[in-house]
Amino acid sequence: MQQSAVPELAHTHTRPIHWVATAAALAGVVAFSSLLQPKPATAAQAGPDAKPAPVTTTAPATTGVDFPLECGPVQALVVKKASGDLDGDGTPETVAAVHCDAPMGTPPDGVYVLTRGADSTHARVVATLVDPKARNTVTSLSVTDGAVLATLLGYSTADVPSCCPDVKDSAKWQWKDDRFIRSTPAGAHSV
């Protein structure tokens, strides 16, 4: 082995003081880092007036729903639908205009509010906004700002033929006091 031309340096030999200095430096770094912790997370914290975070779900589908219509040998047909959160719980509901799929004539529409069933596989009807017995036809249906808006065509008397509605009406329903309240009165406007 070849000898070094440079004499041995004093700092290359460890002594107890070196180990103490290293331990003190390491303890200082650990102590200092414990003072520099990140601030606590606030995303999941809620105040006393905070509402629960909305649940992101899709609106209930109209397939497989047992609508309260007497259609005889024909099926119920969904002709219009709209979705939105109607009761403010963060979960969307679906509003559907439905009539019997009659081969002739103009069958009246019913307007129903659907929500998820307890089994979450099929929706269920929770409210009837327009009963088919009223003989209305829905020409527009939407959900805006938690309200159901519809344009209805109807008849001024029972003598008016089903082919030719002569009354046009706008309707608006909102969820208040655990039920849907029609905030625009039923009024007859000539077509």
Protein backbone atom coordinates (compact mmCIF):
# COMPACT_ATOMS: atom_id res chain seq x y z
CA MET A 1 0.00 0.00 0.00
CA GLN A 2 1.28 3.38 -0.87
CA GLN A 3 1.74 5.98 1.80
CA SER A 4 0.12 9.38 1.43
CA ALA A 5 2.41 12.28 0.80
CA VAL A 6 0.14 14.50 2.89
CA PRO A 7 0.26 14.05 6.63
CA GLU A 8 -2.92 12.77 8.23
CA LEU A 9 -5.36 15.48 9.02
CA ALA A 10 -6.64 15.80 12.56
CA HIS A 11 -10.32 16.13 11.55
CA THR A 12 -10.44 12.74 9.86
CA HIS A 13 -10.29 10.93 13.19
CA THR A 14 -13.62 10.80 15.01
CA ARG A 15 -13.70 11.62 18.64
CA PRO A 16 -16.60 11.62 21.12
CA ILE A 17 -17.07 15.35 20.68
CA HIS A 18 -17.85 14.78 16.97
CA TRP A 19 -20.63 12.32 17.85
CA VAL A 20 -22.09 14.73 20.39
CA ALA A 21 -22.04 17.58 17.88
CA THR A 22 -23.74 15.43 15.23
CA ALA A 23 -26.43 14.29 17.68
CA ALA A 24 -27.04 17.88 18.81
CA ALA A 25 -27.37 19.08 15.20
CA LEU A 26 -29.81 16.27 14.36
CA ALA A 27 -31.89 16.98 17.46
CA GLY A 28 -32.03 20.65 16.47
CA VAL A 29 -33.28 19.82 12.96
CA VAL A 30 -35.99 17.51 14.34
CA ALA A 31 -37.08 20.11 16.92
CA PHE A 32 -37.17 22.90 14.32
CA SER A 33 -39.14 20.81 11.82
CA SER A 34 -41.80 20.07 14.45
CA LEU A 35 -42.42 23.81 14.68
CA LEU A 36 -42.96 24.09 10.91
CA GLN A 37 -46.07 21.90 10.55
CA PRO A 38 -48.66 22.61 7.84
CA LYS A 39 -51.88 24.31 8.88
CA PRO A 40 -54.79 21.99 9.72
CA ALA A 41 -57.03 20.95 6.82
CA THR A 42 -60.26 22.92 6.55
CA ALA A 43 -62.06 21.27 3.62
CA ALA A 44 -63.96 18.80 5.79
CA GLN A 45 -64.58 21.12 8.71
CA ALA A 46 -68.07 22.55 8.96
CA GLY A 47 -69.44 25.36 11.06
CA PRO A 48 -72.74 25.23 12.93
CA ASP A 49 -74.68 26.77 9.99
CA ALA A 50 -73.03 24.71 7.27
CA LYS A 51 -75.19 22.47 5.12
CA PRO A 52 -73.97 18.98 4.28
CA ALA A 53 -71.92 18.74 1.12
CA PRO A 54 -74.14 17.94 -1.88
CA VAL A 55 -74.11 14.36 -3.01
CA THR A 56 -73.23 14.07 -6.65
CA THR A 57 -75.73 11.70 -8.16
CA THR A 58 -77.60 11.42 -11.38
CA ALA A 59 -81.28 12.21 -11.62
CA PRO A 60 -83.69 9.26 -11.45
CA ALA A 61 -84.44 7.59 -14.77
CA THR A 62 -88.02 7.17 -15.98
CA THR A 63 -87.52 3.57 -17.13
CA GLY A 64 -89.19 0.93 -15.00
CA VAL A 65 -91.37 3.46 -13.13
CA ASP A 66 -94.95 2.48 -12.31
CA PHE A 67 -96.82 5.70 -13.23
CA PRO A 68 -100.34 6.05 -11.80
CA LEU A 69 -102.06 5.92 -15.21
CA GLU A 70 -104.84 3.65 -16.40
CA CYS A 71 -103.68 2.85 -19.94
CA GLY A 72 -105.47 -0.44 -20.57
CA PRO A 73 -103.64 -2.51 -23.20
CA VAL A 74 -101.19 0.28 -24.18
CA GLN A 75 -98.09 1.43 -22.30
CA ALA A 76 -97.38 4.72 -20.54
CA LEU A 77 -95.13 6.95 -22.64
CA VAL A 78 -92.81 9.63 -21.22
CA VAL A 79 -93.09 12.59 -23.62
CA LYS A 80 -91.08 15.23 -21.73
CA LYS A 81 -88.78 15.24 -18.74
CA ALA A 82 -86.56 17.61 -16.80
CA SER A 83 -84.30 17.19 -13.77
CA GLY A 84 -83.06 19.30 -10.90
CA ASP A 85 -82.94 19.55 -7.13
CA LEU A 86 -86.50 20.47 -6.15
CA ASP A 87 -86.38 20.09 -2.37
CA GLY A 88 -82.90 21.47 -1.62
CA ASP A 89 -81.39 18.22 -0.35
CA GLY A 90 -78.59 18.19 -2.93
CA THR A 91 -80.07 15.21 -4.80
CA PRO A 92 -81.78 15.78 -8.16
CA GLU A 93 -85.35 14.74 -8.84
CA THR A 94 -86.92 14.11 -12.26
CA VAL A 95 -90.19 15.62 -13.46
CA ALA A 96 -91.91 13.67 -16.24
CA ALA A 97 -94.87 14.41 -18.50
CA VAL A 98 -96.48 11.05 -19.28
CA HIS A 99 -99.51 9.86 -21.25
CA CYS A 100 -100.90 6.60 -22.54
CA ASP A 101 -99.43 5.62 -25.91
CA ALA A 102 -102.80 5.69 -27.66
CA PRO A 103 -102.81 4.91 -31.40
CA MET A 104 -105.31 7.72 -32.10
CA GLY A 105 -106.37 11.00 -30.57
CA THR A 106 -104.62 13.26 -28.10
CA PRO A 107 -104.30 11.47 -24.75
CA PRO A 108 -104.01 13.79 -21.74
CA ASP A 109 -100.69 14.16 -19.93
CA GLY A 110 -99.94 13.64 -16.28
CA VAL A 111 -96.97 15.41 -14.70
CA TYR A 112 -95.15 13.44 -12.01
CA VAL A 113 -92.18 14.04 -9.72
CA LEU A 114 -89.79 11.10 -9.36
CA THR A 115 -87.14 10.42 -6.76
CA ARG A 116 -84.84 7.49 -6.10
CA GLY A 117 -86.54 4.52 -4.51
CA ALA A 118 -85.29 2.90 -1.32
CA ASP A 119 -83.60 0.17 -3.37
CA SER A 120 -82.02 2.80 -5.69
CA THR A 121 -82.65 0.63 -8.75
CA HIS A 122 -85.90 2.25 -9.89
CA ALA A 123 -87.36 5.67 -9.27
CA ARG A 124 -90.72 6.12 -7.62
CA VAL A 125 -93.47 8.71 -8.06
CA VAL A 126 -93.66 11.04 -5.04
CA ALA A 127 -96.04 13.72 -6.36
CA THR A 128 -98.59 14.33 -9.10
CA LEU A 129 -98.49 17.93 -10.33
CA VAL A 130 -101.00 17.53 -13.18
CA ASP A 131 -103.62 14.78 -13.08
CA PRO A 132 -104.52 13.28 -16.49
CA LYS A 133 -108.19 13.76 -15.57
CA ALA A 134 -107.64 17.51 -16.10
CA ARG A 135 -107.27 16.73 -19.86
CA ASN A 136 -104.11 18.86 -20.28
CA THR A 137 -101.33 18.46 -22.83
CA VAL A 138 -97.85 19.58 -21.75
CA THR A 139 -96.05 21.60 -24.45
CA SER A 140 -93.01 22.60 -22.37
CA LEU A 141 -91.48 21.33 -19.15
CA SER A 142 -88.37 22.54 -17.30
CA VAL A 143 -86.76 22.78 -13.88
CA THR A 144 -85.25 26.18 -13.08
CA ASP A 145 -83.92 27.34 -9.69
CA GLY A 146 -85.72 24.51 -7.87
CA ALA A 147 -89.08 25.22 -9.53
CA VAL A 148 -91.02 23.16 -12.07
CA LEU A 149 -92.24 25.25 -15.02
CA ALA A 150 -94.76 23.97 -17.56
CA THR A 151 -96.95 25.21 -20.36
CA LEU A 152 -100.27 23.39 -20.54
CA LEU A 153 -102.89 23.23 -23.25
CA GLY A 154 -106.42 22.45 -22.13
CA TYR A 155 -110.09 22.93 -22.82
CA SER A 156 -112.55 25.62 -21.75
CA THR A 157 -115.46 23.16 -21.60
CA ALA A 158 -116.06 19.43 -21.89
CA ASP A 159 -117.68 20.10 -25.31
CA VAL A 160 -114.38 21.14 -26.93
CA PRO A 161 -113.03 18.20 -29.00
CA SER A 162 -109.78 16.56 -27.79
CA CYS A 163 -108.08 17.46 -31.05
CA CYS A 164 -108.39 21.17 -30.52
CA PRO A 165 -107.39 22.58 -27.12
CA ASP A 166 -108.53 26.17 -26.73
CA VAL A 167 -106.82 27.18 -23.46
CA LYS A 168 -103.11 27.83 -22.84
CA ASP A 169 -101.84 28.04 -19.27
CA SER A 170 -98.45 28.53 -17.60
CA ALA A 171 -97.77 26.75 -14.33
CA LYS A 172 -95.03 26.91 -11.70
CA TRP A 173 -94.62 24.60 -8.72
CA GLN A 174 -92.17 24.86 -5.82
CA TRP A 175 -91.49 22.64 -2.82
CA LYS A 176 -92.72 24.39 0.36
CA ASP A 177 -93.90 23.00 3.68
CA ASP A 178 -93.30 19.38 2.59
CA ARG A 179 -95.43 19.61 -0.55
CA PHE A 180 -95.48 21.16 -4.03
CA ILE A 181 -97.31 24.48 -4.15
CA ARG A 182 -98.51 25.91 -7.44
CA SER A 183 -97.40 29.53 -7.30
CA THR A 184 -99.04 30.61 -10.55
CA PRO A 185 -102.80 30.21 -10.38
CA ALA A 186 -104.56 28.17 -12.99
CA GLY A 187 -105.81 30.73 -15.45
CA ALA A 188 -107.47 30.33 -18.81
CA HIS A 189 -105.79 32.05 -21.71
CA SER A 190 -107.24 31.56 -25.16
CA VAL A 191 -105.08 29.83 -27.72
